[in-house]
Amino acid sequence: MKKARKELERGAGLLMPISALNSPYGIGTLGKAAYDFADFAKKTGAKYWQVLPVGPTSYGDSPYQSFSAFAGNPYFIDLDFLKEEGLINDSDLEVLKNVKDPSDIDYEYIYNNRFAVLKTAFGNSRHRAKASYKKFLTENEYWLQDYAFYMAVKTENGGKSWQEWEDGIRKRKPAAVKKYREKLAEDMDFWIFLQYKFDEQWNKLKKYVNNLGMEIIGDIPLYVALDSTDVWVHPDLFELDEDLREINIAGVPPDMFSATGQRWGNPLYRWDVMEKDGFSWWAERMKSCGKRYDVVRIDHFIGIVNYWSIPATCPTAVDGKWIKGPGKKLTDMINTVIPDTKLIAEDLGVLTKPVKDLIKKNNYPGMKILEFALDANPDNPYLPHNFTTDNAIVYIGTHDNETLAGSLLSCKVADLKKLMNYYNAKTEAELPKMMIRGAYASVARVCVLQVQDMLGLDNSARTNFPSTIGQNWRWRVTGEQLKSIDTSYYKEMAKLYGRA
């Protein structure tokens, strides 16, 4: 008899990307600040910590556009922990102490300075003889060497996308591969070392979080970046032409938020080719996620059922068309390879009946966003009284939305009055607090809050503005801000509404 998938417990959670933690040296890491945040989350009565994707970021700094669907972000390796191991010293860290704004991430500064420090640690390390390192190599054999080779060649080519490399290595011709492997053997070892240290630090943090009685929710993007190990190594799995250029790309059609839709640019999968070998690449990917996270949120889940295919030559998303995806064939495989991992379906967007049916058939919880109901229309499905099942995750807003304070600033006066009446707020100033209370009180199994909304921050603290590049993924919390939050208030709410 088929074993039923574990369900999420009723509880509360916090959304805090690793990058946004208040670690020293310019970006959040898996170090002391992460442990401190776990303690903070526990004090609020949280059972879940949602971290968003943790892969190495590429152009635009988005964790949803990564160099690998398997690797961890080297920026998240904690340098103070490396210092405690004797791999670097204070003088090595001097170059990273010129952080101008602790609430901001200067990615250019980090890119230009952090890897030199990590290379020093690599040079001083004696990891190759360790049993844990040999075990790591074996357990990650499917992707690790390919990723290290990709990053070594990429660095050799000045960081350019693989599509700009000379044809021999771009097309992975045997003679070119042999030449580069021999030339870049030491560089490959460096990139493997970084993954080893990331994995080591991640596993220690995850164990600590789990021992506090909390679970980590991790996001996986449905699609992978064109500039990634995955597309370079497995071009046959993607819609590329004979010259390895994109034919059709991913995105979403025009809607109320964008007249031209969203043109993401990710290469689309050749689902028919993937199906022939049992979706083996996807199987390895999901097993990797199942090991890393307690709960996996599949981003843009609707694309598994039907996806918007845009000709690569189209400058917007207008000229796309809907194409049927693998649907149940893929979810059956996922359920088989990670039967003990809890799953969340990000079901935002064009929610057709086939999408609803697949989510219901798998009993995956979907998502409810209170910011999608700022009109306070009684029929709006995102108002708590319209939640038809407890098998859902409720957010005020996600990383892609405005902060709560920011969203209320643009509300019409009439809508604000309706919202105040709905959430029983006596004043406009009290409305954010009462909306958060409404999320806790809802029937939804899990309530997840962004820390920005707990702090009442405006849109200057917004994490991401979809379809834009430049100022996204830069916000960081400060230690003083975390200390200013009344954790006892949230813990009492968790108790009051059965989420403790």
Protein backbone atom coordinates (compact mmCIF):
# COMPACT_ATOMS: atom_id res chain seq x y z
CA MET A 1 0.00 0.00 0.00
CA LYS A 2 1.30 3.47 -0.96
CA LYS A 3 2.51 5.47 2.07
CA ALA A 4 0.77 8.82 2.57
CA ARG A 5 3.03 11.85 2.27
CA LYS A 6 3.79 13.64 5.54
CA GLU A 7 1.76 16.80 5.97
CA LEU A 8 2.85 20.13 7.38
CA GLU A 9 1.87 20.71 10.99
CA ARG A 10 -0.22 23.75 11.83
CA GLY A 11 2.27 26.43 12.69
CA ALA A 12 3.89 29.75 11.95
CA GLY A 13 7.05 30.55 10.06
CA LEU A 14 9.39 33.35 9.05
CA LEU A 15 10.67 34.16 5.57
CA MET A 16 14.30 35.21 5.72
CA PRO A 17 16.79 34.54 2.89
CA ILE A 18 20.28 33.56 4.05
CA SER A 19 21.67 36.52 2.11
CA ALA A 20 19.56 38.94 4.19
CA LEU A 21 21.00 37.90 7.57
CA ASN A 22 23.14 40.37 9.51
CA SER A 23 26.44 38.52 9.16
CA PRO A 24 29.66 40.55 8.93
CA TYR A 25 31.54 41.15 5.67
CA GLY A 26 28.65 42.31 3.51
CA ILE A 27 26.21 39.42 3.06
CA GLY A 28 24.35 36.87 5.19
CA THR A 29 26.06 33.52 5.74
CA LEU A 30 25.67 30.18 7.50
CA GLY A 31 27.53 31.51 10.53
CA LYS A 32 26.62 32.98 13.90
CA ALA A 33 23.93 35.30 12.51
CA ALA A 34 22.09 32.28 11.09
CA TYR A 35 22.14 30.51 14.46
CA ASP A 36 21.03 33.72 16.16
CA PHE A 37 18.16 34.06 13.70
CA ALA A 38 17.11 30.47 14.36
CA ASP A 39 16.99 31.30 18.08
CA PHE A 40 15.00 34.45 17.28
CA ALA A 41 12.53 32.47 15.17
CA LYS A 42 12.10 29.96 17.97
CA LYS A 43 11.30 32.79 20.39
CA THR A 44 8.46 33.91 18.10
CA GLY A 45 6.96 30.42 18.32
CA ALA A 46 7.88 29.61 14.71
CA LYS A 47 8.00 26.04 13.45
CA TYR A 48 9.31 26.95 10.00
CA TRP A 49 12.12 29.01 8.49
CA GLN A 50 11.75 29.68 4.77
CA VAL A 51 15.12 30.52 3.19
CA LEU A 52 14.38 30.82 -0.58
CA PRO A 53 16.88 29.19 -3.03
CA VAL A 54 20.47 28.92 -1.80
CA GLY A 55 22.24 28.28 -5.11
CA PRO A 56 25.12 30.34 -6.56
CA THR A 57 23.74 33.48 -8.15
CA SER A 58 24.52 34.81 -11.60
CA TYR A 59 23.73 38.03 -13.48
CA GLY A 60 21.10 40.06 -11.62
CA ASP A 61 21.94 38.37 -8.30
CA SER A 62 18.65 36.46 -8.21
CA PRO A 63 18.69 33.09 -6.42
CA TYR A 64 16.12 32.02 -9.03
CA GLN A 65 18.80 32.38 -11.75
CA SER A 66 21.60 30.12 -10.60
CA PHE A 67 24.76 28.62 -12.09
CA SER A 68 23.56 25.23 -10.83
CA ALA A 69 20.37 23.51 -9.74
CA PHE A 70 22.42 21.51 -7.22
CA ALA A 71 25.25 23.67 -5.83
CA GLY A 72 25.23 25.97 -2.82
CA ASN A 73 26.15 29.65 -2.90
CA PRO A 74 29.85 30.16 -1.99
CA TYR A 75 28.96 33.62 -0.63
CA PHE A 76 27.10 31.86 2.20
CA ILE A 77 30.21 30.09 3.50
CA ASP A 78 30.89 31.76 6.83
CA LEU A 79 34.36 33.28 7.00
CA ASP A 80 34.55 33.49 10.79
CA PHE A 81 34.03 29.73 10.93
CA LEU A 82 36.89 29.33 8.45
CA LYS A 83 39.00 31.53 10.72
CA GLU A 84 38.17 29.32 13.70
CA GLU A 85 39.43 26.35 11.67
CA GLY A 86 42.72 28.17 11.10
CA LEU A 87 42.19 28.42 7.35
CA ILE A 88 42.30 32.24 7.28
CA ASN A 89 43.25 34.97 9.75
CA ASP A 90 42.19 38.52 10.59
CA SER A 91 44.53 40.07 8.04
CA ASP A 92 42.85 38.04 5.27
CA LEU A 93 39.51 39.57 6.26
CA GLU A 94 40.63 43.20 6.18
CA VAL A 95 39.64 43.55 2.53
CA LEU A 96 36.02 42.71 3.42
CA LYS A 97 35.60 45.16 6.29
CA ASN A 98 34.73 48.17 4.14
CA VAL A 99 30.98 47.53 4.15
CA LYS A 100 29.31 50.93 3.87
CA ASP A 101 25.72 49.97 4.65
CA PRO A 102 24.89 46.95 6.86
CA SER A 103 21.31 46.95 5.53
CA ASP A 104 22.43 46.57 1.90
CA ILE A 105 24.32 43.97 -0.17
CA ASP A 106 26.94 45.33 -2.58
CA TYR A 107 27.26 42.32 -4.89
CA GLU A 108 30.01 43.86 -7.01
CA TYR A 109 32.14 44.47 -3.93
CA ILE A 110 31.58 40.91 -2.72
CA TYR A 111 32.30 39.39 -6.16
CA ASN A 112 35.55 41.32 -6.46
CA ASN A 113 36.89 40.55 -2.97
CA ARG A 114 35.37 37.45 -1.39
CA PHE A 115 36.81 34.74 -3.63
CA ALA A 116 40.38 35.80 -2.86
CA VAL A 117 39.70 35.12 0.83
CA LEU A 118 38.11 31.76 0.00
CA LYS A 119 41.14 30.84 -2.13
CA THR A 120 43.39 31.51 0.83
CA ALA A 121 41.29 29.14 2.91
CA PHE A 122 41.49 26.56 0.13
CA GLY A 123 45.28 26.86 -0.01
CA ASN A 124 45.56 26.28 3.75
CA SER A 125 43.08 23.40 3.88
CA ARG A 126 43.92 19.74 4.38
CA HIS A 127 40.45 18.54 3.46
CA ARG A 128 41.44 15.98 0.81
CA ALA A 129 42.47 13.38 3.38
CA LYS A 130 39.28 13.66 5.42
CA ALA A 131 36.73 10.83 5.33
CA SER A 132 33.94 13.42 5.29
CA TYR A 133 35.36 14.94 2.10
CA LYS A 134 35.58 11.57 0.36
CA LYS A 135 32.02 10.83 1.40
CA PHE A 136 30.92 14.21 0.04
CA LEU A 137 32.53 13.45 -3.32
CA THR A 138 30.73 10.12 -3.55
CA GLU A 139 27.32 11.42 -2.47
CA ASN A 140 27.39 14.28 -4.99
CA GLU A 141 28.98 12.46 -7.89
CA TYR A 142 26.07 13.18 -10.26
CA TRP A 143 26.69 16.95 -10.48
CA LEU A 144 29.78 18.01 -8.55
CA GLN A 145 32.57 17.47 -11.09
CA ASP A 146 30.50 19.02 -13.87
CA TYR A 147 29.78 22.09 -11.76
CA ALA A 148 33.43 22.51 -10.73
CA PHE A 149 34.56 22.17 -14.34
CA TYR A 150 31.94 24.67 -15.49
CA MET A 151 32.93 27.27 -12.91
CA ALA A 152 36.64 26.78 -13.63
CA VAL A 153 36.12 27.29 -17.38
CA LYS A 154 33.79 30.22 -16.71
CA THR A 155 36.41 31.91 -14.52
CA GLU A 156 39.07 31.24 -17.15
CA ASN A 157 36.81 33.02 -19.64
CA GLY A 158 36.41 36.14 -17.52
CA GLY A 159 33.01 35.12 -16.11
CA LYS A 160 31.34 35.06 -19.52
CA SER A 161 28.28 32.89 -20.16
CA TRP A 162 29.14 29.51 -21.72
CA GLN A 163 27.37 30.65 -24.87
CA GLU A 164 30.19 33.15 -25.40
CA TRP A 165 33.01 30.61 -25.05
CA GLU A 166 34.96 29.40 -28.06
CA ASP A 167 33.10 26.69 -29.94
CA GLY A 168 35.23 23.74 -28.87
CA ILE A 169 34.50 24.03 -25.17
CA ARG A 170 31.07 25.63 -25.69
CA LYS A 171 29.98 22.47 -27.48
CA ARG A 172 31.98 20.22 -25.15
CA LYS A 173 34.07 18.66 -27.90
CA PRO A 174 36.33 15.92 -26.43
CA ALA A 175 39.65 17.56 -27.38
CA ALA A 176 38.63 20.88 -25.81
CA VAL A 177 37.25 19.21 -22.69
CA LYS A 178 40.52 17.27 -22.23
CA LYS A 179 42.63 20.41 -22.69
CA TYR A 180 40.64 22.47 -20.20
CA ARG A 181 40.43 19.68 -17.61
CA GLU A 182 44.20 19.30 -17.61
CA LYS A 183 44.79 23.04 -17.47
CA LEU A 184 42.19 23.79 -14.79
CA ALA A 185 42.54 20.77 -12.47
CA GLU A 186 43.58 22.91 -9.48
CA ASP A 187 40.80 25.43 -10.15
CA MET A 188 38.27 22.60 -10.23
CA ASP A 189 39.52 21.45 -6.84
CA PHE A 190 38.89 24.97 -5.51
CA TRP A 191 35.24 24.95 -6.64
CA ILE A 192 34.75 21.48 -5.17
CA PHE A 193 36.27 22.67 -1.88
CA LEU A 194 33.75 25.51 -1.74
CA GLN A 195 30.85 23.10 -2.16
CA TYR A 196 32.30 20.87 0.53
CA LYS A 197 32.51 23.75 3.01
CA PHE A 198 29.03 24.99 2.09
CA ASP A 199 27.61 21.50 2.62
CA GLU A 200 29.46 21.08 5.91
CA GLN A 201 28.23 24.41 7.28
CA TRP A 202 24.70 23.93 5.93
CA ASN A 203 24.30 20.51 7.53
CA LYS A 204 25.42 21.82 10.92
CA LEU A 205 22.96 24.71 10.73
CA LYS A 206 20.11 22.47 9.59
CA LYS A 207 20.77 20.08 12.47
CA TYR A 208 20.68 23.03 14.90
CA VAL A 209 17.41 24.32 13.45
CA ASN A 210 15.84 20.86 13.55
CA ASN A 211 16.96 20.39 17.15
CA LEU A 212 15.07 23.59 18.02
CA GLY A 213 11.93 21.87 16.74
CA MET A 214 11.82 23.84 13.49
CA GLU A 215 11.93 22.83 9.83
CA ILE A 216 13.58 24.58 6.89
CA ILE A 217 11.46 25.41 3.85
CA GLY A 218 13.56 25.68 0.70
CA ASP A 219 12.46 26.98 -2.68
CA ILE A 220 13.36 25.47 -6.02
CA PRO A 221 12.78 27.42 -9.22
CA LEU A 222 10.87 25.40 -11.82
CA TYR A 223 13.33 26.49 -14.51
CA VAL A 224 17.11 26.80 -14.56
CA ALA A 225 19.22 29.63 -15.95
CA LEU A 226 20.60 29.44 -19.48
CA ASP A 227 23.99 30.35 -18.01
CA SER A 228 24.20 27.22 -15.89
CA THR A 229 26.05 23.95 -15.57
CA ASP A 230 22.79 22.10 -16.14
CA VAL A 231 22.10 23.51 -19.62
CA TRP A 232 25.76 23.34 -20.70
CA VAL A 233 26.14 19.70 -19.64
CA HIS A 234 22.65 18.51 -20.67
CA PRO A 235 21.74 20.61 -23.76
CA ASP A 236 19.60 17.78 -25.14
CA LEU A 237 17.15 18.30 -22.23
CA PHE A 238 16.39 21.88 -23.25
CA GLU A 239 14.83 23.62 -26.24
CA LEU A 240 18.10 24.58 -27.97
CA ASP A 241 18.90 24.48 -31.68
CA GLU A 242 21.86 22.71 -33.31
CA ASP A 243 24.11 25.64 -32.44
CA LEU A 244 22.97 25.44 -28.79
CA ARG A 245 20.97 28.68 -28.96
CA GLU A 246 17.55 29.03 -27.35
CA ILE A 247 14.49 28.27 -29.46
CA ASN A 248 11.73 29.00 -26.94
CA ILE A 249 11.99 30.50 -23.48
CA ALA A 250 9.97 30.69 -20.27
CA GLY A 251 7.77 33.45 -18.89
CA VAL A 252 4.15 34.32 -18.21
CA PRO A 253 1.58 36.04 -20.44
CA PRO A 254 0.28 39.60 -20.10
CA ASP A 255 -1.95 40.11 -17.05
CA MET A 256 -3.21 42.83 -14.72
CA PHE A 257 0.35 43.41 -13.48
CA SER A 258 2.10 43.67 -16.85
CA ALA A 259 0.72 44.54 -20.29
CA THR A 260 3.58 42.69 -21.99
CA GLY A 261 3.83 39.76 -19.58
CA GLN A 262 7.10 38.56 -18.06
CA ARG A 263 9.94 37.32 -20.30
CA TRP A 264 12.15 35.34 -17.94
CA GLY A 265 14.52 34.03 -20.59
CA ASN A 266 15.06 30.57 -19.08
CA PRO A 267 15.32 27.79 -21.65
CA LEU A 268 12.30 25.49 -21.71
CA TYR A 269 12.59 21.77 -21.03
CA ARG A 270 12.19 19.11 -23.67
CA TRP A 271 9.73 17.21 -21.51
CA ASP A 272 9.38 14.42 -24.08
CA VAL A 273 13.13 13.76 -23.95
CA MET A 274 13.16 13.88 -20.15
CA GLU A 275 10.30 11.42 -19.92
CA LYS A 276 12.18 8.81 -21.96
CA ASP A 277 14.71 8.23 -19.15
CA GLY A 278 12.21 8.61 -16.33
CA PHE A 279 12.99 12.30 -15.70
CA SER A 280 16.40 11.26 -14.31
CA TRP A 281 17.80 14.81 -14.11
CA TRP A 282 14.71 15.94 -12.21
CA ALA A 283 14.95 12.88 -9.97
CA GLU A 284 18.53 13.74 -9.00
CA ARG A 285 17.56 17.36 -8.46
CA MET A 286 14.67 16.48 -6.16
CA LYS A 287 16.78 14.01 -4.18
CA SER A 288 19.33 16.75 -3.65
CA CYS A 289 16.61 19.14 -2.45
CA GLY A 290 15.09 16.47 -0.23
CA LYS A 291 18.42 16.07 1.52
CA ARG A 292 18.96 19.83 1.91
CA TYR A 293 15.49 20.90 3.07
CA ASP A 294 12.71 19.57 5.29
CA VAL A 295 10.04 21.15 3.07
CA VAL A 296 10.41 21.94 -0.64
CA ARG A 297 8.35 24.72 -2.23
CA ILE A 298 8.16 24.23 -6.01
CA ASP A 299 8.14 27.68 -7.57
CA HIS A 300 5.80 28.30 -10.54
CA PHE A 301 4.15 24.91 -10.05
CA ILE A 302 1.54 25.71 -12.71
CA GLY A 303 4.31 25.31 -15.33
CA ILE A 304 4.33 21.57 -14.66
CA VAL A 305 0.75 21.40 -15.95
CA ASN A 306 0.86 24.05 -18.67
CA TYR A 307 3.57 26.56 -19.49
CA TRP A 308 3.90 29.75 -21.51
CA SER A 309 6.31 29.21 -24.42
CA ILE A 310 7.81 32.39 -25.87
CA PRO A 311 9.87 32.43 -29.10
CA ALA A 312 13.41 33.46 -28.13
CA THR A 313 13.28 36.14 -30.82
CA CYS A 314 10.31 37.88 -29.18
CA PRO A 315 11.43 40.90 -27.06
CA THR A 316 8.39 40.55 -24.74
CA ALA A 317 6.13 37.73 -23.53
CA VAL A 318 3.21 38.79 -25.73
CA ASP A 319 3.72 36.30 -28.58
CA GLY A 320 3.84 33.17 -26.45
CA LYS A 321 1.45 30.24 -26.33
CA TRP A 322 0.28 27.70 -23.76
CA ILE A 323 1.73 24.19 -24.03
CA LYS A 324 0.82 21.15 -21.97
CA GLY A 325 3.43 20.05 -19.44
CA PRO A 326 4.23 16.61 -17.99
CA GLY A 327 1.75 16.99 -15.13
CA LYS A 328 1.11 13.83 -13.12
CA LYS A 329 4.00 11.95 -14.75
CA LEU A 330 6.47 14.33 -13.13
CA THR A 331 4.75 14.58 -9.74
CA ASP A 332 4.51 10.77 -9.56
CA MET A 333 8.28 10.60 -10.00
CA ILE A 334 8.84 13.32 -7.39
CA ASN A 335 6.62 11.54 -4.88
CA THR A 336 8.58 8.34 -5.48
CA VAL A 337 12.12 9.70 -5.08
CA ILE A 338 11.46 11.93 -2.02
CA PRO A 339 8.49 10.29 -0.27
CA ASP A 340 9.42 11.70 3.15
CA THR A 341 9.94 15.32 2.09
CA LYS A 342 7.01 17.68 2.53
CA LEU A 343 6.08 19.71 -0.54
CA ILE A 344 4.41 23.06 -1.25
CA ALA A 345 3.00 24.01 -4.65
CA GLU A 346 3.45 27.69 -5.53
CA ASP A 347 0.11 27.90 -7.32
CA LEU A 348 0.01 31.63 -8.03
CA GLY A 349 -0.86 32.79 -11.54
CA VAL A 350 -3.31 31.32 -14.06
CA LEU A 351 -4.87 28.64 -11.86
CA THR A 352 -6.70 26.41 -14.33
CA LYS A 353 -8.79 23.37 -13.40
CA PRO A 354 -6.03 20.89 -14.44
CA VAL A 355 -3.60 22.70 -12.10
CA LYS A 356 -6.12 22.59 -9.24
CA ASP A 357 -6.83 18.92 -9.93
CA LEU A 358 -3.14 17.94 -9.88
CA ILE A 359 -2.52 19.81 -6.62
CA LYS A 360 -5.57 18.20 -5.04
CA LYS A 361 -4.63 14.72 -6.31
CA ASN A 362 -1.19 15.05 -4.69
CA ASN A 363 -2.54 16.78 -1.57
CA TYR A 364 0.10 19.51 -1.91
CA PRO A 365 -0.66 22.69 0.04
CA GLY A 366 -1.04 25.80 -2.13
CA MET A 367 -0.52 29.45 -1.26
CA LYS A 368 -2.73 32.34 -0.16
CA ILE A 369 -1.48 35.95 -0.32
CA LEU A 370 -3.37 38.53 1.74
CA GLU A 371 -1.91 41.37 -0.33
CA PHE A 372 -3.83 39.97 -3.30
CA ALA A 373 -7.04 40.94 -1.49
CA LEU A 374 -6.42 44.59 -0.68
CA ASP A 375 -9.68 45.47 -2.44
CA ALA A 376 -11.47 43.66 0.43
CA ASN A 377 -14.02 42.36 -2.07
CA PRO A 378 -16.04 39.71 -0.16
CA ASP A 379 -15.63 37.28 -3.09
CA ASN A 380 -11.84 37.63 -3.28
CA PRO A 381 -10.37 34.11 -2.80
CA TYR A 382 -7.39 35.55 -0.92
CA LEU A 383 -9.48 36.85 1.99
CA PRO A 384 -9.28 34.42 4.94
CA HIS A 385 -13.02 33.68 5.09
CA ASN A 386 -12.79 32.28 1.54
CA PHE A 387 -10.05 29.77 2.32
CA THR A 388 -11.81 26.51 1.44
CA THR A 389 -9.16 24.21 2.95
CA ASP A 390 -6.62 24.28 5.74
CA ASN A 391 -4.10 22.68 3.36
CA ALA A 392 -2.54 26.03 2.46
CA ILE A 393 0.28 28.40 3.36
CA VAL A 394 -0.84 31.97 4.03
CA TYR A 395 1.48 34.92 3.51
CA ILE A 396 0.92 38.64 3.88
CA GLY A 397 3.21 38.89 0.87
CA THR A 398 6.18 36.95 -0.50
CA HIS A 399 9.64 38.08 -1.59
CA ASP A 400 8.12 39.10 -4.96
CA ASN A 401 5.51 41.42 -3.42
CA GLU A 402 5.59 44.84 -1.86
CA THR A 403 6.09 45.01 1.87
CA LEU A 404 2.79 45.28 3.76
CA ALA A 405 3.43 48.91 4.69
CA GLY A 406 4.37 49.69 1.10
CA SER A 407 1.29 48.02 -0.36
CA LEU A 408 -1.09 49.87 1.97
CA LEU A 409 0.38 53.22 0.94
CA SER A 410 -0.99 52.74 -2.59
CA CYS A 411 -4.45 51.57 -1.45
CA LYS A 412 -7.50 53.62 -2.32
CA VAL A 413 -9.13 55.33 0.65
CA ALA A 414 -12.35 53.35 0.14
CA ASP A 415 -10.44 50.07 0.11
CA LEU A 416 -8.53 51.01 3.25
CA LYS A 417 -11.81 51.59 5.06
CA LYS A 418 -13.11 48.19 3.93
CA LEU A 419 -9.85 46.54 5.03
CA MET A 420 -10.02 48.20 8.43
CA ASN A 421 -13.57 46.98 8.85
CA TYR A 422 -12.68 43.45 7.70
CA TYR A 423 -9.65 43.07 9.98
CA ASN A 424 -11.25 45.04 12.84
CA ALA A 425 -8.58 47.75 12.83
CA LYS A 426 -9.58 50.93 14.64
CA THR A 427 -7.01 53.09 12.83
CA GLU A 428 -4.95 52.91 9.62
CA ALA A 429 -1.82 52.63 11.76
CA GLU A 430 -3.27 49.51 13.42
CA LEU A 431 -4.17 47.81 10.10
CA PRO A 432 -0.83 46.04 9.41
CA LYS A 433 -0.84 44.49 12.89
CA MET A 434 -4.43 43.30 12.49
CA MET A 435 -3.74 41.83 9.04
CA ILE A 436 -0.89 39.83 10.51
CA ARG A 437 -3.24 38.69 13.25
CA GLY A 438 -5.75 37.71 10.55
CA ALA A 439 -3.13 35.51 8.91
CA TYR A 440 -2.38 33.79 12.23
CA ALA A 441 -6.08 33.31 12.93
CA SER A 442 -6.85 31.84 9.50
CA VAL A 443 -7.57 28.19 8.84
CA ALA A 444 -4.41 27.93 6.69
CA ARG A 445 -2.09 25.22 7.99
CA VAL A 446 0.99 27.47 8.01
CA CYS A 447 1.31 31.25 8.33
CA VAL A 448 4.60 32.73 7.05
CA LEU A 449 5.68 36.32 7.69
CA GLN A 450 8.43 38.36 6.09
CA VAL A 451 10.60 39.98 8.74
CA GLN A 452 10.19 43.30 6.88
CA ASP A 453 6.47 43.19 7.73
CA MET A 454 7.15 42.41 11.37
CA LEU A 455 9.28 45.58 11.36
CA GLY A 456 6.70 47.65 9.48
CA LEU A 457 9.21 48.60 6.76
CA ASP A 458 8.22 50.34 3.53
CA ASN A 459 9.14 49.30 -0.02
CA SER A 460 12.74 50.42 0.39
CA ALA A 461 13.09 47.05 2.16
CA ARG A 462 11.41 45.09 -0.63
CA THR A 463 13.33 41.93 -1.55
CA ASN A 464 12.48 41.66 -5.25
CA PHE A 465 10.60 43.50 -7.95
CA PRO A 466 9.93 40.91 -10.72
CA SER A 467 11.12 41.70 -14.26
CA THR A 468 13.63 44.31 -13.07
CA ILE A 469 17.40 44.14 -12.56
CA GLY A 470 19.67 46.31 -10.45
CA GLN A 471 18.35 46.81 -6.93
CA ASN A 472 16.84 43.42 -6.09
CA TRP A 473 17.95 40.89 -3.45
CA ARG A 474 19.92 43.59 -1.63
CA TRP A 475 17.97 44.15 1.61
CA ARG A 476 19.50 42.92 4.87
CA VAL A 477 18.16 42.98 8.40
CA THR A 478 20.33 44.54 11.11
CA GLY A 479 20.90 43.19 14.59
CA GLU A 480 19.23 46.25 16.08
CA GLN A 481 16.10 45.66 13.99
CA LEU A 482 15.78 42.06 15.16
CA LYS A 483 16.18 43.15 18.78
CA SER A 484 13.36 45.67 18.33
CA ILE A 485 10.79 42.97 17.49
CA ASP A 486 8.59 41.83 20.37
CA THR A 487 8.99 38.07 20.00
CA SER A 488 6.65 37.39 22.92
CA TYR A 489 3.75 38.97 21.00
CA TYR A 490 4.17 36.57 18.08
CA LYS A 491 4.63 33.61 20.41
CA GLU A 492 1.39 34.48 22.18
CA MET A 493 -0.41 34.68 18.84
CA ALA A 494 1.06 31.31 17.85
CA LYS A 495 -0.32 29.85 21.09
CA LEU A 496 -3.68 31.60 20.77
CA TYR A 497 -4.30 30.30 17.25
CA GLY A 498 -2.92 26.79 17.69
CA ARG A 499 0.37 27.40 15.87
CA ALA A 500 2.83 26.98 18.78
